[in-house]
Each structure stands twice: as C-alpha cells, then as structure tokens.
Protein backbone atom coordinates (compact mmCIF):
# COMPACT_ATOMS: atom_id res chain seq x y z
CA MET A 1 -20.70 -0.97 7.19
CA ASN A 2 -17.17 -0.20 8.37
CA SER A 3 -14.87 -2.19 10.60
CA GLN A 4 -12.06 -0.85 12.74
CA VAL A 5 -8.56 -2.25 12.18
CA VAL A 6 -5.86 -2.00 14.83
CA VAL A 7 -2.24 -2.73 13.92
CA ASN A 8 1.12 -2.23 15.54
CA ILE A 9 3.53 -0.54 13.17
CA ASP A 10 7.00 0.93 13.48
CA THR A 11 6.65 4.54 14.63
CA GLU A 12 9.22 5.92 12.19
CA LEU A 13 7.62 4.12 9.25
CA LYS A 14 4.18 5.40 10.26
CA GLN A 15 5.44 8.99 10.53
CA LYS A 16 7.11 8.81 7.11
CA ALA A 17 3.96 7.36 5.54
CA MET A 18 1.77 10.01 7.18
CA LYS A 19 4.09 12.77 5.96
CA MET A 20 4.02 11.44 2.39
CA ALA A 21 0.25 10.95 2.46
CA LYS A 22 -0.28 14.47 3.82
CA LYS A 23 1.73 15.93 0.90
CA GLU A 24 -0.72 14.25 -1.46
CA GLY A 25 -3.77 15.32 0.52
CA LEU A 26 -4.45 11.86 1.91
CA THR A 27 -5.14 10.69 5.42
CA MET A 28 -3.57 7.51 6.73
CA LYS A 29 -7.05 5.99 6.74
CA ALA A 30 -7.50 6.82 3.05
CA LEU A 31 -4.05 5.48 2.15
CA LEU A 32 -4.66 2.16 3.88
CA SER A 33 -8.18 1.93 2.43
CA PHE A 34 -6.85 2.49 -1.10
CA LEU A 35 -4.11 -0.11 -0.65
CA LEU A 36 -6.55 -2.72 0.67
CA LYS A 37 -9.04 -1.97 -2.12
CA TRP A 38 -6.38 -2.22 -4.83
CA TYR A 39 -5.08 -5.44 -3.30
CA VAL A 40 -8.44 -7.24 -3.23
CA GLU A 41 -9.27 -6.01 -6.74
CA ASP A 42 -5.95 -7.38 -8.05
CA GLU A 43 -4.78 -3.88 -9.00
CA ILE A 44 -1.56 -4.42 -7.05
CA VAL A 45 0.36 -7.58 -6.32
CA LEU A 46 2.56 -7.87 -3.27
CA TRP A 47 5.61 -10.10 -3.14
CA ALA A 48 7.40 -11.47 -0.11
CA LYS A 49 11.06 -12.41 -0.02
CA ILE A 50 12.95 -14.27 2.69
CA LYS A 51 16.18 -12.48 3.54
CA ARG A 52 17.53 -15.23 5.74
CA TRP A 53 16.96 -18.92 6.12
CA TYR A 54 15.27 -20.42 9.14
CA PHE A 55 15.72 -24.02 10.14
CA SER A 56 12.54 -25.94 10.81
CA ASN A 57 10.92 -29.28 10.26
CA LEU A 58 9.26 -28.04 7.10
CA GLU A 59 10.08 -29.78 3.87
CA ILE A 60 10.82 -27.37 1.05
CA GLU A 61 9.73 -28.37 -2.42
CA TRP A 62 11.78 -26.41 -4.94
CA TRP A 63 10.19 -25.14 -8.12
CA SER A 64 10.74 -27.19 -11.21
CA GLN A 65 12.44 -25.66 -14.24
CA LYS A 66 9.09 -25.77 -16.06
CA GLU A 67 7.44 -23.73 -13.25
CA ILE A 68 10.29 -21.21 -13.29
CA ASP A 69 10.07 -20.90 -17.08
CA ASN A 70 6.30 -20.37 -16.85
CA LEU A 71 6.80 -17.57 -14.31
CA ASN A 72 9.53 -15.93 -16.36
CA ASN A 73 7.47 -16.06 -19.56
CA ASN A 74 4.07 -15.09 -18.13
CA LYS A 75 3.10 -11.85 -19.91
CA ASN A 76 0.16 -11.21 -17.54
CA LEU A 77 2.47 -11.47 -14.52
CA GLU A 78 5.00 -9.20 -16.22
CA SER A 79 2.25 -6.64 -16.94
CA LEU A 80 1.01 -6.69 -13.33
CA TRP A 81 4.56 -6.31 -12.02
CA SER A 82 5.07 -3.33 -14.32
CA LYS A 83 1.79 -1.73 -13.18
CA LEU A 84 2.78 -2.12 -9.52
CA ASN A 85 6.19 -0.56 -10.11
CA THR A 86 4.60 2.35 -11.99
CA LEU A 87 2.04 2.87 -9.22
CA LEU A 88 4.72 2.81 -6.52
CA LEU A 89 6.85 5.30 -8.44
CA ASP A 90 3.91 7.59 -9.22
CA LYS A 91 2.85 7.68 -5.57
CA LYS A 92 6.46 8.12 -4.44
CA ILE A 93 6.14 5.05 -2.24
CA TRP A 94 9.26 3.55 -3.81
CA LYS A 95 12.26 5.11 -5.53
C-alpha cells in the first residue's frame, strides 16, 4: 500500500534536485523513496546543526567530556559517517 506525501519545498532547490535526478535516470518520487528507505534502514545518517542560537526557556545540558570522547572514538559512527559522505559524493548530492 502506498501513501501520498505532500511537502512544501523551496522551488529552486526542487528544480536543482529534479535536474540532478533526471541526469541519473531518476524521478523525484524515486529519489525521495530511496532516501526514506535508506534512512529507515540505517543506511544513511542525517545530522542537524544549529547555525544560530535562539533564546528560550529550555535548559541546555551540555555533553560531558566522557560523552564527547565516546562519540569521537566510536568506530561504528565513524564508519557510518564515511559511508554517508561516500554516498553523497557518488550521487553528486554533495561536493
């Protein structure tokens, strides 16, 4: 069974993605389906980064040095990060 997904996306970004997908013989539907499939199967890992700080009532708990060391020394995480970068480069999604 399939389900329809409706999203609002920047027009220029959509056009660029469609152009790149077309060069590789993909439709936008196929591209998005592949990305969702890889994401839920842990084939790709997405990271988010805050570019500016927002003030709120939230309390931020900073990572301990032990947590940071664990992240920096996690070979599985390093391998997944490398796979994502390779995939993005191979598909010309990222330069």
